[in-house]
N, C-alpha and C. Protein backbone atom coordinates (compact mmCIF):
# COMPACT_ATOMS: atom_id res chain seq x y z
N MET A 1 0.84 -1.17 0.00
CA MET A 1 0.00 0.00 0.00
C MET A 1 0.89 1.23 0.00
N ARG A 2 0.64 2.14 -0.90
CA ARG A 2 1.41 3.36 -1.04
C ARG A 2 0.66 4.51 -0.41
N LEU A 3 1.40 5.26 0.43
CA LEU A 3 0.77 6.42 1.06
C LEU A 3 0.71 7.57 0.06
N PRO A 4 -0.29 8.41 0.16
CA PRO A 4 -0.38 9.55 -0.76
C PRO A 4 0.74 10.54 -0.45
N ASP A 5 1.17 11.25 -1.50
CA ASP A 5 2.20 12.26 -1.33
C ASP A 5 1.69 13.38 -0.43
N PRO A 6 2.56 13.91 0.43
CA PRO A 6 2.11 15.00 1.31
C PRO A 6 1.89 16.27 0.49
N PRO A 7 0.99 17.10 0.93
CA PRO A 7 0.78 18.36 0.20
C PRO A 7 2.00 19.27 0.40
N LEU A 8 2.51 19.79 -0.67
CA LEU A 8 3.69 20.65 -0.61
C LEU A 8 3.29 22.10 -0.67
N THR A 9 3.78 22.87 0.27
CA THR A 9 3.51 24.30 0.29
C THR A 9 4.83 24.99 0.45
N PRO A 10 5.31 25.76 -0.38
CA PRO A 10 4.76 26.16 -1.67
C PRO A 10 4.94 25.06 -2.71
N GLY A 11 4.25 25.21 -3.82
CA GLY A 11 4.32 24.24 -4.90
C GLY A 11 5.69 24.26 -5.58
N GLY A 12 5.90 23.35 -6.50
CA GLY A 12 7.20 23.20 -7.15
C GLY A 12 7.70 24.45 -7.85
N ASP A 13 6.86 25.06 -8.69
CA ASP A 13 7.29 26.26 -9.43
C ASP A 13 7.52 27.44 -8.49
N GLU A 14 6.64 27.61 -7.54
CA GLU A 14 6.79 28.71 -6.60
C GLU A 14 8.05 28.52 -5.74
N ALA A 15 8.33 27.29 -5.32
CA ALA A 15 9.53 27.01 -4.53
C ALA A 15 10.79 27.27 -5.36
N HIS A 16 10.73 26.91 -6.63
CA HIS A 16 11.86 27.15 -7.52
C HIS A 16 12.14 28.65 -7.64
N ASP A 17 11.10 29.44 -7.81
CA ASP A 17 11.27 30.89 -7.90
C ASP A 17 11.80 31.48 -6.60
N LEU A 18 11.29 31.00 -5.46
CA LEU A 18 11.77 31.48 -4.17
C LEU A 18 13.25 31.15 -3.97
N LEU A 19 13.65 29.95 -4.35
CA LEU A 19 15.04 29.56 -4.22
C LEU A 19 15.94 30.39 -5.12
N ARG A 20 15.50 30.63 -6.34
CA ARG A 20 16.28 31.44 -7.28
C ARG A 20 16.46 32.85 -6.72
N ARG A 21 15.38 33.45 -6.18
CA ARG A 21 15.48 34.79 -5.60
C ARG A 21 16.42 34.81 -4.41
N GLU A 22 16.40 33.75 -3.62
CA GLU A 22 17.28 33.69 -2.44
C GLU A 22 18.74 33.59 -2.86
N LEU A 23 19.02 32.78 -3.87
CA LEU A 23 20.42 32.54 -4.24
C LEU A 23 21.05 33.66 -5.04
N VAL A 24 20.29 34.60 -5.54
CA VAL A 24 20.90 35.73 -6.25
C VAL A 24 21.21 36.89 -5.31
N ARG A 25 20.94 36.73 -4.03
CA ARG A 25 21.24 37.78 -3.06
C ARG A 25 22.75 38.01 -3.01
N PRO A 26 23.18 39.26 -2.85
CA PRO A 26 24.61 39.58 -2.96
C PRO A 26 25.49 38.94 -1.88
N GLU A 27 24.97 38.65 -0.70
CA GLU A 27 25.82 38.09 0.34
C GLU A 27 26.34 36.69 0.01
N TYR A 28 25.70 36.01 -0.94
CA TYR A 28 26.19 34.71 -1.37
C TYR A 28 27.34 34.84 -2.36
N HIS A 29 27.58 36.02 -2.88
CA HIS A 29 28.57 36.20 -3.94
C HIS A 29 29.63 37.22 -3.58
N GLU A 30 29.82 37.50 -2.29
CA GLU A 30 30.78 38.51 -1.88
C GLU A 30 32.22 38.07 -2.14
N ASP A 31 32.59 36.87 -1.73
CA ASP A 31 33.95 36.38 -1.88
C ASP A 31 33.96 35.23 -2.88
N ASN A 32 35.09 35.10 -3.56
CA ASN A 32 35.18 33.94 -4.42
C ASN A 32 35.66 32.75 -3.59
N LEU A 33 35.65 31.59 -4.15
CA LEU A 33 35.94 30.37 -3.43
C LEU A 33 37.36 30.34 -2.91
N VAL A 34 38.31 30.83 -3.68
CA VAL A 34 39.72 30.82 -3.25
C VAL A 34 39.91 31.70 -2.02
N LEU A 35 39.31 32.88 -2.02
CA LEU A 35 39.45 33.77 -0.85
C LEU A 35 38.80 33.16 0.38
N ARG A 36 37.67 32.51 0.22
CA ARG A 36 37.01 31.86 1.36
C ARG A 36 37.86 30.72 1.89
N LEU A 37 38.50 29.94 0.99
CA LEU A 37 39.35 28.83 1.41
C LEU A 37 40.58 29.35 2.15
N VAL A 38 41.21 30.40 1.63
CA VAL A 38 42.38 30.98 2.29
C VAL A 38 42.00 31.55 3.65
N SER A 39 40.87 32.19 3.74
CA SER A 39 40.40 32.74 5.01
C SER A 39 40.14 31.63 6.02
N TRP A 40 39.52 30.54 5.60
CA TRP A 40 39.26 29.42 6.50
C TRP A 40 40.56 28.80 6.97
N LEU A 41 41.51 28.58 6.04
CA LEU A 41 42.79 27.99 6.39
C LEU A 41 43.55 28.89 7.37
N SER A 42 43.48 30.18 7.16
CA SER A 42 44.13 31.13 8.07
C SER A 42 43.54 31.03 9.47
N ARG A 43 42.22 30.95 9.56
CA ARG A 43 41.58 30.83 10.88
C ARG A 43 41.96 29.53 11.57
N VAL A 44 42.02 28.43 10.81
CA VAL A 44 42.38 27.14 11.39
C VAL A 44 43.81 27.17 11.92
N LEU A 45 44.73 27.72 11.12
CA LEU A 45 46.12 27.79 11.55
C LEU A 45 46.28 28.71 12.76
N GLU A 46 45.58 29.82 12.76
CA GLU A 46 45.65 30.75 13.89
C GLU A 46 45.13 30.09 15.16
N ASP A 47 44.03 29.37 15.06
CA ASP A 47 43.50 28.65 16.23
C ASP A 47 44.48 27.57 16.69
N GLY A 48 45.14 26.90 15.75
CA GLY A 48 46.11 25.88 16.11
C GLY A 48 47.32 26.46 16.81
N VAL A 49 47.81 27.59 16.33
CA VAL A 49 48.95 28.24 16.97
C VAL A 49 48.59 28.71 18.36
N THR A 50 47.40 29.25 18.51
CA THR A 50 46.94 29.70 19.83
C THR A 50 46.84 28.51 20.79
N SER A 51 46.29 27.41 20.33
CA SER A 51 46.18 26.22 21.17
C SER A 51 47.55 25.66 21.52
N ALA A 52 48.47 25.66 20.56
CA ALA A 52 49.82 25.16 20.81
C ALA A 52 50.55 26.05 21.80
N ARG A 53 50.31 27.32 21.75
CA ARG A 53 50.97 28.25 22.66
C ARG A 53 50.53 27.99 24.10
N GLU A 54 49.27 27.57 24.27
CA GLU A 54 48.74 27.34 25.62
C GLU A 54 48.98 25.91 26.11
N ALA A 55 49.41 25.00 25.24
CA ALA A 55 49.59 23.59 25.62
C ALA A 55 50.98 23.38 26.22
N PRO A 56 51.14 22.31 27.01
CA PRO A 56 52.46 21.98 27.53
C PRO A 56 53.42 21.62 26.39
N PRO A 57 54.72 21.83 26.57
CA PRO A 57 55.69 21.58 25.49
C PRO A 57 55.68 20.15 24.96
N LEU A 58 55.53 19.17 25.83
CA LEU A 58 55.54 17.78 25.37
C LEU A 58 54.34 17.49 24.46
N THR A 59 53.20 18.04 24.78
CA THR A 59 52.01 17.86 23.96
C THR A 59 52.21 18.51 22.59
N THR A 60 52.81 19.69 22.57
CA THR A 60 53.06 20.39 21.31
C THR A 60 54.02 19.59 20.43
N ILE A 61 55.08 19.05 21.02
CA ILE A 61 56.05 18.26 20.25
C ILE A 61 55.39 16.99 19.72
N ALA A 62 54.57 16.34 20.53
CA ALA A 62 53.87 15.13 20.07
C ALA A 62 52.91 15.44 18.93
N ALA A 63 52.19 16.54 19.03
CA ALA A 63 51.26 16.92 17.96
C ALA A 63 52.02 17.24 16.68
N MET A 64 53.15 17.92 16.80
CA MET A 64 53.96 18.24 15.61
C MET A 64 54.49 16.96 14.98
N LEU A 65 54.91 16.00 15.79
CA LEU A 65 55.41 14.73 15.27
C LEU A 65 54.31 13.97 14.54
N VAL A 66 53.13 13.92 15.12
CA VAL A 66 52.00 13.24 14.47
C VAL A 66 51.66 13.95 13.15
N GLY A 67 51.65 15.28 13.15
CA GLY A 67 51.38 16.02 11.92
C GLY A 67 52.41 15.74 10.84
N LEU A 68 53.69 15.72 11.21
CA LEU A 68 54.74 15.42 10.24
C LEU A 68 54.61 14.00 9.70
N LEU A 69 54.27 13.05 10.57
CA LEU A 69 54.07 11.68 10.11
C LEU A 69 52.89 11.59 9.14
N LEU A 70 51.81 12.31 9.42
CA LEU A 70 50.66 12.31 8.50
C LEU A 70 51.02 12.92 7.16
N VAL A 71 51.71 14.05 7.18
CA VAL A 71 52.11 14.69 5.92
C VAL A 71 53.06 13.78 5.16
N GLY A 72 54.01 13.15 5.86
CA GLY A 72 54.94 12.23 5.20
C GLY A 72 54.23 11.03 4.62
N GLY A 73 53.24 10.50 5.36
CA GLY A 73 52.48 9.35 4.85
C GLY A 73 51.67 9.70 3.61
N VAL A 74 51.06 10.87 3.61
CA VAL A 74 50.30 11.30 2.43
C VAL A 74 51.25 11.53 1.25
N ALA A 75 52.41 12.14 1.50
CA ALA A 75 53.38 12.36 0.43
C ALA A 75 53.89 11.02 -0.13
N TRP A 76 54.10 10.06 0.75
CA TRP A 76 54.56 8.75 0.32
C TRP A 76 53.48 8.06 -0.53
N LEU A 77 52.21 8.17 -0.12
CA LEU A 77 51.13 7.56 -0.89
C LEU A 77 50.96 8.21 -2.25
N VAL A 78 51.12 9.52 -2.30
CA VAL A 78 50.95 10.25 -3.56
C VAL A 78 52.09 9.92 -4.54
N SER A 79 53.29 9.74 -4.00
CA SER A 79 54.46 9.49 -4.89
C SER A 79 54.52 8.10 -5.38
């Protein structure tokens, strides 16, 4: 037994128009993808440096060693 489709509000065409109007708003097109990626990477690195500055030295050295091993492993797999 198949259940009837639920009533959709707004309908398909109206929802399509609403979505199109929403996506042409300027705040979705302020930065290009590369600038957003660089900004995100900068924030991640800044948070990491701040966390490393507050962590004990042994923890920082261990995290750096794990990071280097991960980068080396990825480089080895790629090559």
